[in-house]
C-alpha atoms as a PDB file:
ATOM      1  CA  MET A   1      25.517   7.725   8.494  1.00  0.00           C
ATOM      2  CA  ASN A   2      27.462  10.659   7.253  1.00  0.00           C
ATOM      3  CA  ASN A   3      27.908   9.796   3.576  1.00  0.00           C
ATOM      4  CA  TYR A   4      25.988   9.508   0.328  1.00  0.00           C
ATOM      5  CA  LEU A   5      26.439   7.872  -3.078  1.00  0.00           C
ATOM      6  CA  PHE A   6      24.809   7.738  -6.499  1.00  0.00           C
ATOM      7  CA  PRO A   7      24.891   4.487  -8.139  1.00  0.00           C
ATOM      8  CA  VAL A   8      25.988   3.959 -11.780  1.00  0.00           C
ATOM      9  CA  ILE A   9      22.726   3.303 -13.555  1.00  0.00           C
ATOM     10  CA  THR A  10      22.844   0.555 -16.203  1.00  0.00           C
ATOM     11  CA  TYR A  11      19.936  -1.992 -16.528  1.00  0.00           C
ATOM     12  CA  GLU A  12      18.207  -0.415 -13.400  1.00  0.00           C
ATOM     13  CA  ASN A  13      16.426   2.190 -15.284  1.00  0.00           C
ATOM     14  CA  THR A  14      14.497  -0.629 -16.929  1.00  0.00           C
ATOM     15  CA  LEU A  15      12.969  -1.545 -13.678  1.00  0.00           C
ATOM     16  CA  PRO A  16       9.553  -0.163 -12.145  1.00  0.00           C
ATOM     17  CA  PHE A  17      11.577   1.374  -9.264  1.00  0.00           C
ATOM     18  CA  TYR A  18      15.236   2.023  -9.199  1.00  0.00           C
ATOM     19  CA  VAL A  19      17.588   4.029  -6.670  1.00  0.00           C
ATOM     20  CA  LYS A  20      19.348   6.967  -8.036  1.00  0.00           C
ATOM     21  CA  GLY A  21      21.017   8.249  -4.876  1.00  0.00           C
ATOM     22  CA  VAL A  22      21.012   7.303  -1.110  1.00  0.00           C
ATOM     23  CA  GLY A  23      22.754   8.652   2.025  1.00  0.00           C
ATOM     24  CA  GLY A  24      22.512  10.781   5.109  1.00  0.00           C
ATOM     25  CA  LEU A  25      24.111  13.689   6.911  1.00  0.00           C
ATOM     26  CA  GLU A  26      24.790  14.013  10.763  1.00  0.00           C
ATOM     27  CA  ASN A  27      24.062  17.635  10.374  1.00  0.00           C
ATOM     28  CA  GLN A  28      21.954  18.431   7.385  1.00  0.00           C
ATOM     29  CA  GLU A  29      22.938  21.567   5.439  1.00  0.00           C
ATOM     30  CA  HIS A  30      20.509  24.260   4.290  1.00  0.00           C
ATOM     31  CA  ILE A  31      18.969  23.137   1.051  1.00  0.00           C
ATOM     32  CA  ILE A  32      17.371  25.736  -1.513  1.00  0.00           C
ATOM     33  CA  ARG A  33      15.699  24.451  -4.486  1.00  0.00           C
ATOM     34  CA  PRO A  34      13.641  27.118  -6.205  1.00  0.00           C
ATOM     35  CA  ASN A  35      12.850  24.702  -9.162  1.00  0.00           C
ATOM     36  CA  GLY A  36      12.649  21.630  -7.057  1.00  0.00           C
ATOM     37  CA  TYR A  37      14.611  18.430  -7.289  1.00  0.00           C
ATOM     38  CA  HIS A  38      14.828  16.384 -10.553  1.00  0.00           C
ATOM     39  CA  ASP A  39      14.017  13.034  -8.951  1.00  0.00           C
ATOM     40  CA  PHE A  40      11.460  11.761  -6.356  1.00  0.00           C
ATOM     41  CA  GLN A  41      12.751  12.053  -2.801  1.00  0.00           C
ATOM     42  CA  TRP A  42      12.074  10.732   0.696  1.00  0.00           C
ATOM     43  CA  LEU A  43      13.982  12.290   3.628  1.00  0.00           C
ATOM     44  CA  HIS A  44      13.443  11.424   7.200  1.00  0.00           C
ATOM     45  CA  CYS A  45      14.898  12.815  10.559  1.00  0.00           C
ATOM     46  CA  VAL A  46      16.591  10.570  13.030  1.00  0.00           C
ATOM     47  CA  LYS A  47      18.005  13.339  15.341  1.00  0.00           C
ATOM     48  CA  GLY A  48      17.290  17.101  16.107  1.00  0.00           C
ATOM     49  CA  LYS A  49      14.670  19.202  14.288  1.00  0.00           C
ATOM     50  CA  GLY A  50      14.451  20.744  10.833  1.00  0.00           C
ATOM     51  CA  LYS A  51      12.025  22.851   9.098  1.00  0.00           C
ATOM     52  CA  LEU A  52      10.571  22.428   5.567  1.00  0.00           C
ATOM     53  CA  ILE A  53       9.219  25.416   3.683  1.00  0.00           C
ATOM     54  CA  ILE A  54       7.030  24.650   0.554  1.00  0.00           C
ATOM     55  CA  ASN A  55       4.365  26.506  -1.215  1.00  0.00           C
ATOM     56  CA  ASN A  56       4.776  29.149   1.683  1.00  0.00           C
ATOM     57  CA  LYS A  57       3.914  26.629   4.264  1.00  0.00           C
ATOM     58  CA  GLU A  58       6.245  25.617   7.027  1.00  0.00           C
ATOM     59  CA  PHE A  59       6.429  22.147   8.503  1.00  0.00           C
ATOM     60  CA  PHE A  60       8.712  21.241  11.470  1.00  0.00           C
ATOM     61  CA  ILE A  61      10.492  17.905  10.663  1.00  0.00           C
ATOM     62  CA  PRO A  62      11.531  16.395  14.108  1.00  0.00           C
ATOM     63  CA  ARG A  63      12.706  12.631  14.921  1.00  0.00           C
ATOM     64  CA  ASN A  64      10.148  10.129  13.482  1.00  0.00           C
ATOM     65  CA  SER A  65       9.027  12.438  10.796  1.00  0.00           C
ATOM     66  CA  GLY A  66       9.909  13.000   7.267  1.00  0.00           C
ATOM     67  CA  PHE A  67       8.696  14.300   3.853  1.00  0.00           C
ATOM     68  CA  PHE A  68       8.170  12.884   0.518  1.00  0.00           C
ATOM     69  CA  MET A  69       8.271  14.990  -2.793  1.00  0.00           C
ATOM     70  CA  TYR A  70       7.727  14.722  -6.506  1.00  0.00           C
ATOM     71  CA  PRO A  71      10.282  16.062  -8.917  1.00  0.00           C
ATOM     72  CA  GLY A  72      10.088  19.857  -9.597  1.00  0.00           C
ATOM     73  CA  VAL A  73       8.436  21.042  -6.495  1.00  0.00           C
ATOM     74  CA  PRO A  74      10.080  24.181  -5.261  1.00  0.00           C
ATOM     75  CA  HIS A  75      11.211  23.872  -1.536  1.00  0.00           C
ATOM     76  CA  GLN A  76      13.804  24.542   1.034  1.00  0.00           C
ATOM     77  CA  TYR A  77      14.866  22.808   4.310  1.00  0.00           C
ATOM     78  CA  PHE A  78      17.149  23.542   7.115  1.00  0.00           C
ATOM     79  CA  ALA A  79      17.980  22.782  10.711  1.00  0.00           C
ATOM     80  CA  VAL A  80      16.374  24.646  13.637  1.00  0.00           C
ATOM     81  CA  GLU A  81      17.717  22.231  16.326  1.00  0.00           C
ATOM     82  CA  GLU A  82      21.244  20.928  15.636  1.00  0.00           C
ATOM     83  CA  PRO A  83      22.593  18.485  14.938  1.00  0.00           C
ATOM     84  CA  TRP A  84      19.687  17.696  12.472  1.00  0.00           C
ATOM     85  CA  GLU A  85      20.516  14.211  11.306  1.00  0.00           C
ATOM     86  CA  THR A  86      18.725  13.093   8.080  1.00  0.00           C
ATOM     87  CA  HIS A  87      18.660  10.125   6.055  1.00  0.00           C
ATOM     88  CA  TRP A  88      17.368  10.071   2.385  1.00  0.00           C
ATOM     89  CA  VAL A  89      16.752   8.289  -0.913  1.00  0.00           C
ATOM     90  CA  VAL A  90      15.984   9.653  -4.315  1.00  0.00           C
ATOM     91  CA  PHE A  91      14.611   7.516  -6.997  1.00  0.00           C
ATOM     92  CA  GLY A  92      12.697   7.007 -10.341  1.00  0.00           C
ATOM     93  CA  GLY A  93      11.110   4.394 -12.465  1.00  0.00           C
ATOM     94  CA  TYR A  94       7.979   3.737 -14.497  1.00  0.00           C
ATOM     95  CA  GLY A  95       6.162   2.184 -11.660  1.00  0.00           C
ATOM     96  CA  VAL A  96       6.604   4.917  -9.319  1.00  0.00           C
ATOM     97  CA  VAL A  97       3.641   7.317 -10.280  1.00  0.00           C
ATOM     98  CA  PRO A  98       1.120   4.461 -10.522  1.00  0.00           C
ATOM     99  CA  LEU A  99       2.192   3.152  -7.003  1.00  0.00           C
ATOM    100  CA  LEU A 100       2.099   6.568  -5.464  1.00  0.00           C
ATOM    101  CA  ASN A 101      -1.443   7.271  -6.902  1.00  0.00           C
ATOM    102  CA  ALA A 102      -2.562   3.851  -5.564  1.00  0.00           C
ATOM    103  CA  LEU A 103      -1.147   4.855  -1.957  1.00  0.00           C
ATOM    104  CA  GLY A 104      -2.869   8.069  -2.214  1.00  0.00           C
ATOM    105  CA  PHE A 105       0.436  10.330  -2.160  1.00  0.00           C
ATOM    106  CA  SER A 106       0.328  13.954  -3.209  1.00  0.00           C
ATOM    107  CA  GLN A 107       2.946  16.119  -4.942  1.00  0.00           C
ATOM    108  CA  TYR A 108       4.377  16.463  -1.532  1.00  0.00           C
ATOM    109  CA  ASN A 109       3.581  14.995   1.884  1.00  0.00           C
ATOM    110  CA  VAL A 110       4.951  15.477   5.477  1.00  0.00           C
ATOM    111  CA  PHE A 111       4.566  12.540   7.708  1.00  0.00           C
ATOM    112  CA  ARG A 112       4.602  11.695  11.282  1.00  0.00           C
ATOM    113  CA  LEU A 113       5.703   8.154  11.747  1.00  0.00           C
ATOM    114  CA  ASN A 114       5.086   5.558  14.658  1.00  0.00           C
ATOM    115  CA  ASP A 115       8.631   3.972  14.410  1.00  0.00           C
ATOM    116  CA  ILE A 116      11.366   5.258  12.135  1.00  0.00           C
ATOM    117  CA  ARG A 117      13.396   2.201  12.382  1.00  0.00           C
ATOM    118  CA  PRO A 118      11.755   0.112   9.601  1.00  0.00           C
ATOM    119  CA  LEU A 119      12.356   2.889   7.218  1.00  0.00           C
ATOM    120  CA  ASP A 120      15.675   3.694   8.377  1.00  0.00           C
ATOM    121  CA  ASN A 121      16.820  -0.127   8.192  1.00  0.00           C
ATOM    122  CA  LEU A 122      15.557  -0.100   4.582  1.00  0.00           C
ATOM    123  CA  ILE A 123      17.623   3.006   3.510  1.00  0.00           C
ATOM    124  CA  ASN A 124      20.688   1.429   5.270  1.00  0.00           C
ATOM    125  CA  ASP A 125      19.959  -1.882   3.320  1.00  0.00           C
ATOM    126  CA  ILE A 126      19.761   0.262   0.052  1.00  0.00           C
ATOM    127  CA  TYR A 127      23.009   2.160   0.897  1.00  0.00           C
ATOM    128  CA  ILE A 128      24.918  -1.170   1.429  1.00  0.00           C
ATOM    129  CA  LEU A 129      23.447  -2.791  -1.720  1.00  0.00           C
ATOM    130  CA  SER A 130      24.264   0.288  -3.759  1.00  0.00           C
ATOM    131  CA  GLN A 131      28.094  -0.198  -3.117  1.00  0.00           C
ATOM    132  CA  SER A 132      27.891  -3.816  -4.003  1.00  0.00           C
ATOM    133  CA  LYS A 133      29.527  -4.904  -7.264  1.00  0.00           C
ATOM    134  CA  ASN A 134      26.873  -7.913  -7.420  1.00  0.00           C
ATOM    135  CA  LEU A 135      25.143  -7.881 -10.677  1.00  0.00           C
ATOM    136  CA  LEU A 136      21.803  -8.558  -8.847  1.00  0.00           C
ATOM    137  CA  SER A 137      22.163  -5.607  -6.375  1.00  0.00           C
ATOM    138  CA  GLY A 138      20.101  -3.408  -8.601  1.00  0.00           C
ATOM    139  CA  TYR A 139      17.275  -5.751  -8.417  1.00  0.00           C
ATOM    140  CA  ARG A 140      17.498  -5.951  -4.762  1.00  0.00           C
ATOM    141  CA  CYS A 141      17.474  -2.301  -4.237  1.00  0.00           C
ATOM    142  CA  SER A 142      14.570  -2.117  -6.368  1.00  0.00           C
ATOM    143  CA  ALA A 143      12.644  -4.487  -4.140  1.00  0.00           C
ATOM    144  CA  LYS A 144      13.877  -2.598  -0.977  1.00  0.00           C
ATOM    145  CA  LEU A 145      12.770   0.747  -2.393  1.00  0.00           C
ATOM    146  CA  TYR A 146       9.254  -0.789  -3.028  1.00  0.00           C
ATOM    147  CA  ASN A 147       9.185  -1.981   0.434  1.00  0.00           C
ATOM    148  CA  LEU A 148      10.072   1.503   1.761  1.00  0.00           C
ATOM    149  CA  LEU A 149       7.120   2.989   0.003  1.00  0.00           C
ATOM    150  CA  ILE A 150       4.871   0.490   1.222  1.00  0.00           C
ATOM    151  CA  GLU A 151       6.140   0.721   4.815  1.00  0.00           C
ATOM    152  CA  LEU A 152       5.667   4.460   4.571  1.00  0.00           C
ATOM    153  CA  LYS A 153       2.014   4.048   3.675  1.00  0.00           C
ATOM    154  CA  VAL A 154       1.518   1.379   6.595  1.00  0.00           C
ATOM    155  CA  GLN A 155       3.074   3.709   9.073  1.00  0.00           C
ATOM    156  CA  THR A 156       1.207   6.839   8.074  1.00  0.00           C
ATOM    157  CA  GLN A 157      -2.052   4.849   7.788  1.00  0.00           C
ATOM    158  CA  GLU A 158      -1.644   3.522  11.311  1.00  0.00           C
ATOM    159  CA  SER A 159      -0.843   7.006  12.708  1.00  0.00           C
ATOM    160  CA  LEU A 160      -3.000   9.256  10.793  1.00  0.00           C
ATOM    161  CA  ASP A 161      -6.122   7.091  10.111  1.00  0.00           C
ATOM    162  CA  THR A 162      -7.110   5.900  13.684  1.00  0.00           C
ATOM    163  CA  ALA A 163     -10.737   6.958  12.996  1.00  0.00           C
ATOM    164  CA  ASN A 164     -10.883   4.490   9.965  1.00  0.00           C
ATOM    165  CA  VAL A 165      -9.148   1.612  12.179  1.00  0.00           C
ATOM    166  CA  SER A 166     -11.968   2.364  14.733  1.00  0.00           C
ATOM    167  CA  ARG A 167     -14.642   2.005  12.095  1.00  0.00           C
ATOM    168  CA  TYR A 168     -13.099  -1.106  10.775  1.00  0.00           C
ATOM    169  CA  ASN A 169     -13.156  -2.626  14.283  1.00  0.00           C
ATOM    170  CA  LYS A 170     -16.692  -1.855  14.494  1.00  0.00           C
ATOM    171  CA  LEU A 171     -17.247  -3.887  11.163  1.00  0.00           C
ATOM    172  CA  ARG A 172     -15.451  -6.924  12.367  1.00  0.00           C
ATOM    173  CA  PRO A 173     -18.488  -8.719  13.820  1.00  0.00           C
ATOM    174  CA  VAL A 174     -20.071  -7.916  10.224  1.00  0.00           C
ATOM    175  CA  LEU A 175     -17.012  -9.486   8.436  1.00  0.00           C
ATOM    176  CA  ASP A 176     -16.965 -12.411  10.770  1.00  0.00           C
ATOM    177  CA  TYR A 177     -20.731 -12.996  10.133  1.00  0.00           C
ATOM    178  CA  ILE A 178     -20.219 -12.910   6.391  1.00  0.00           C
ATOM    179  CA  ASP A 179     -17.364 -15.323   6.487  1.00  0.00           C
ATOM    180  CA  ASN A 180     -19.759 -17.750   8.236  1.00  0.00           C
ATOM    181  CA  ASN A 181     -23.123 -17.178   6.756  1.00  0.00           C
ATOM    182  CA  TYR A 182     -22.307 -16.156   3.083  1.00  0.00           C
ATOM    183  CA  MET A 183     -24.206 -19.015   1.574  1.00  0.00           C
ATOM    184  CA  ASN A 184     -27.462 -17.798   3.382  1.00  0.00           C
ATOM    185  CA  ASN A 185     -27.423 -14.423   1.477  1.00  0.00           C
ATOM    186  CA  PRO A 186     -27.614 -12.137   4.585  1.00  0.00           C
ATOM    187  CA  THR A 187     -29.611  -8.817   4.018  1.00  0.00           C
ATOM    188  CA  MET A 188     -28.452  -5.366   4.562  1.00  0.00           C
ATOM    189  CA  ASP A 189     -30.942  -5.133   7.413  1.00  0.00           C
ATOM    190  CA  GLU A 190     -29.590  -8.353   8.998  1.00  0.00           C
ATOM    191  CA  LEU A 191     -25.926  -7.057   8.761  1.00  0.00           C
ATOM    192  CA  ALA A 192     -26.616  -3.510   9.921  1.00  0.00           C
ATOM    193  CA  SER A 193     -28.503  -4.935  12.970  1.00  0.00           C
ATOM    194  CA  LEU A 194     -25.216  -6.677  13.980  1.00  0.00           C
ATOM    195  CA  ILE A 195     -23.751  -3.375  14.837  1.00  0.00           C
ATOM    196  CA  ASN A 196     -27.035  -1.480  15.872  1.00  0.00           C
ATOM    197  CA  VAL A 197     -26.986   1.024  12.899  1.00  0.00           C
ATOM    198  CA  SER A 198     -29.264   1.754  10.100  1.00  0.00           C
ATOM    199  CA  PRO A 199     -28.863   0.048   6.794  1.00  0.00           C
ATOM    200  CA  GLN A 200     -28.001   3.399   5.179  1.00  0.00           C
ATOM    201  CA  TYR A 201     -25.240   4.332   7.783  1.00  0.00           C
ATOM    202  CA  PHE A 202     -23.980   0.776   7.615  1.00  0.00           C
ATOM    203  CA  CYS A 203     -23.466   0.863   3.817  1.00  0.00           C
ATOM    204  CA  ARG A 204     -21.731   4.361   4.093  1.00  0.00           C
ATOM    205  CA  ILE A 205     -19.186   3.180   6.768  1.00  0.00           C
ATOM    206  CA  PHE A 206     -18.660  -0.134   4.916  1.00  0.00           C
ATOM    207  CA  ASN A 207     -17.826   1.718   1.897  1.00  0.00           C
ATOM    208  CA  ASN A 208     -15.661   4.268   3.513  1.00  0.00           C
ATOM    209  CA  VAL A 209     -13.579   1.696   5.337  1.00  0.00           C
ATOM    210  CA  LEU A 210     -13.202  -1.088   2.616  1.00  0.00           C
ATOM    211  CA  GLY A 211     -13.879   0.947  -0.578  1.00  0.00           C
ATOM    212  CA  ILE A 212     -16.506  -1.371  -1.793  1.00  0.00           C
ATOM    213  CA  ARG A 213     -20.267  -1.856  -1.231  1.00  0.00           C
ATOM    214  CA  PRO A 214     -21.468  -4.638   1.272  1.00  0.00           C
ATOM    215  CA  PHE A 215     -23.123  -6.571  -1.485  1.00  0.00           C
ATOM    216  CA  THR A 216     -19.872  -6.320  -3.564  1.00  0.00           C
ATOM    217  CA  TYR A 217     -17.917  -7.866  -0.469  1.00  0.00           C
ATOM    218  CA  LEU A 218     -20.428 -10.532  -0.089  1.00  0.00           C
ATOM    219  CA  ASN A 219     -19.998 -11.544  -3.726  1.00  0.00           C
ATOM    220  CA  LEU A 220     -16.227 -11.670  -3.246  1.00  0.00           C
ATOM    221  CA  ILE A 221     -16.487 -13.920  -0.228  1.00  0.00           C
ATOM    222  CA  LYS A 222     -18.743 -16.268  -2.254  1.00  0.00           C
ATOM    223  CA  LEU A 223     -16.285 -16.355  -5.180  1.00  0.00           C
ATOM    224  CA  ARG A 224     -13.225 -17.043  -2.898  1.00  0.00           C
ATOM    225  CA  ASN A 225     -15.027 -20.111  -1.363  1.00  0.00           C
ATOM    226  CA  ALA A 226     -16.376 -21.207  -4.835  1.00  0.00           C
ATOM    227  CA  LYS A 227     -12.710 -21.229  -6.135  1.00  0.00           C
ATOM    228  CA  GLU A 228     -11.846 -23.346  -3.169  1.00  0.00           C
ATOM    229  CA  LEU A 229     -14.568 -25.793  -3.949  1.00  0.00           C
ATOM    230  CA  LEU A 230     -13.625 -25.847  -7.498  1.00  0.00           C
ATOM    231  CA  ILE A 231     -10.055 -26.918  -6.854  1.00  0.00           C
ATOM    232  CA  LYS A 232     -10.678 -29.162  -3.967  1.00  0.00           C
ATOM    233  CA  HIS A 233     -13.634 -30.843  -5.344  1.00  0.00           C
ATOM    234  CA  PRO A 234     -13.376 -31.222  -9.093  1.00  0.00           C
ATOM    235  CA  GLU A 235     -15.864 -33.637  -9.286  1.00  0.00           C
ATOM    236  CA  MET A 236     -18.708 -31.088  -8.288  1.00  0.00           C
ATOM    237  CA  GLN A 237     -20.911 -29.694 -11.057  1.00  0.00           C
ATOM    238  CA  ILE A 238     -20.775 -25.957 -11.421  1.00  0.00           C
ATOM    239  CA  LYS A 239     -24.489 -25.684 -10.489  1.00  0.00           C
ATOM    240  CA  GLU A 240     -23.677 -27.521  -7.289  1.00  0.00           C
ATOM    241  CA  VAL A 241     -20.776 -25.126  -6.488  1.00  0.00           C
ATOM    242  CA  ALA A 242     -23.053 -22.161  -7.222  1.00  0.00           C
ATOM    243  CA  SER A 243     -25.698 -23.451  -4.827  1.00  0.00           C
ATOM    244  CA  LYS A 244     -23.150 -24.252  -1.873  1.00  0.00           C
ATOM    245  CA  VAL A 245     -21.969 -20.646  -2.071  1.00  0.00           C
ATOM    246  CA  GLY A 246     -25.402 -19.058  -2.221  1.00  0.00           C
ATOM    247  CA  TYR A 247     -26.322 -18.627  -5.832  1.00  0.00           C
ATOM    248  CA  ASN A 248     -29.546 -20.043  -6.745  1.00  0.00           C
ATOM    249  CA  ASP A 249     -29.141 -18.938 -10.487  1.00  0.00           C
ATOM    250  CA  VAL A 250     -26.141 -20.786 -12.071  1.00  0.00           C
ATOM    251  CA  SER A 251     -26.149 -18.363 -14.947  1.00  0.00           C
ATOM    252  CA  TYR A 252     -25.777 -15.381 -12.546  1.00  0.00           C
ATOM    253  CA  PHE A 253     -23.065 -17.225 -10.812  1.00  0.00           C
ATOM    254  CA  CYS A 254     -21.055 -17.618 -13.954  1.00  0.00           C
ATOM    255  CA  ALA A 255     -21.530 -14.044 -15.008  1.00  0.00           C
ATOM    256  CA  VAL A 256     -20.222 -12.724 -11.475  1.00  0.00           C
ATOM    257  CA  PHE A 257     -17.593 -15.206 -11.527  1.00  0.00           C
ATOM    258  CA  LYS A 258     -16.314 -14.037 -14.989  1.00  0.00           C
ATOM    259  CA  LYS A 259     -16.813 -10.558 -14.332  1.00  0.00           C
ATOM    260  CA  HIS A 260     -14.298 -10.792 -11.210  1.00  0.00           C
ATOM    261  CA  GLU A 261     -11.892 -13.484 -12.375  1.00  0.00           C
ATOM    262  CA  GLY A 262     -11.850 -12.913 -16.031  1.00  0.00           C
ATOM    263  CA  VAL A 263     -12.748 -16.723 -16.755  1.00  0.00           C
ATOM    264  CA  THR A 264     -15.673 -18.821 -16.322  1.00  0.00           C
ATOM    265  CA  PRO A 265     -15.982 -21.251 -13.431  1.00  0.00           C
ATOM    266  CA  MET A 266     -15.320 -24.117 -15.720  1.00  0.00           C
ATOM    267  CA  GLU A 267     -12.247 -22.585 -17.187  1.00  0.00           C
ATOM    268  CA  PHE A 268     -11.128 -21.796 -13.787  1.00  0.00           C
ATOM    269  CA  LYS A 269     -11.455 -25.458 -12.789  1.00  0.00           C
ATOM    270  CA  ILE A 270      -9.631 -26.549 -15.917  1.00  0.00           C
ATOM    271  CA  ASN A 271      -6.855 -24.153 -15.505  1.00  0.00           C
ATOM    272  CA  SER A 272      -6.303 -25.009 -11.925  1.00  0.00           C
ATOM    273  CA  ALA A 273      -6.517 -28.747 -12.400  1.00  0.00           C
ATOM    274  CA  PHE A 274      -2.692 -29.099 -12.187  1.00  0.00           C
ATOM    275  CA  HIS A 275      -2.698 -28.048  -8.537  1.00  0.00           C
ATOM    276  CA  ILE A 276      -4.704 -31.048  -7.525  1.00  0.00           C
ATOM    277  CA  THR A 277      -2.839 -34.049  -5.994  1.00  0.00           C
END
């Protein structure tokens, strides 16, 4: 790719994500932006090597790496090994900041990627769609842009968070045990013993990996199975469903269910009745 385009924006700016520009250069020119760029941007390298300077910090950008940046962040970038081929997309939308916050992105990020091809394919798709006269192409570009940001998170999580993956794998026996024994209300001591750690350390790594406490996770597994019972067996009483998933107190079961689902078990059963054949 050695071209770029900036789509005419009509209805697209009402979407949560929309493309404002997309393209690539076979030999990226020197860019200096003392006031930053006016849109969100992602750029990655497919050949050669470049350098990004931001906040007086220098980052090399070789193949299988790239950078993401918020609007208004001063920066410059240039080739250090030519040809430095780059592909990029700039974008906006009211959904961008909430998604970036959820993904844990900062004002700027430099990423090393496992495989550039999925991201490159998405940018190529966006480029082709942006040339289309089809009325729906803006919606399709919006979907591709969302996929690109999610793929970026997946790739960086895989490459940068190997320690977390290792901890998750360590927890697998516990998660499998909870899946099979949730109705028996396993204790923290019981779960911790499965991986030969103390209950305190177990709770800490569980929360670090999954972002919730083991007790909360146990409740979520119970509720998942309770919802399946409510739909598959509408003849069952709420008290019976509660007992089958490990709640001896039906009032507590109903309170936990409503806290997480926003409706009572009975309301869930009634609302889901049309799914029953």
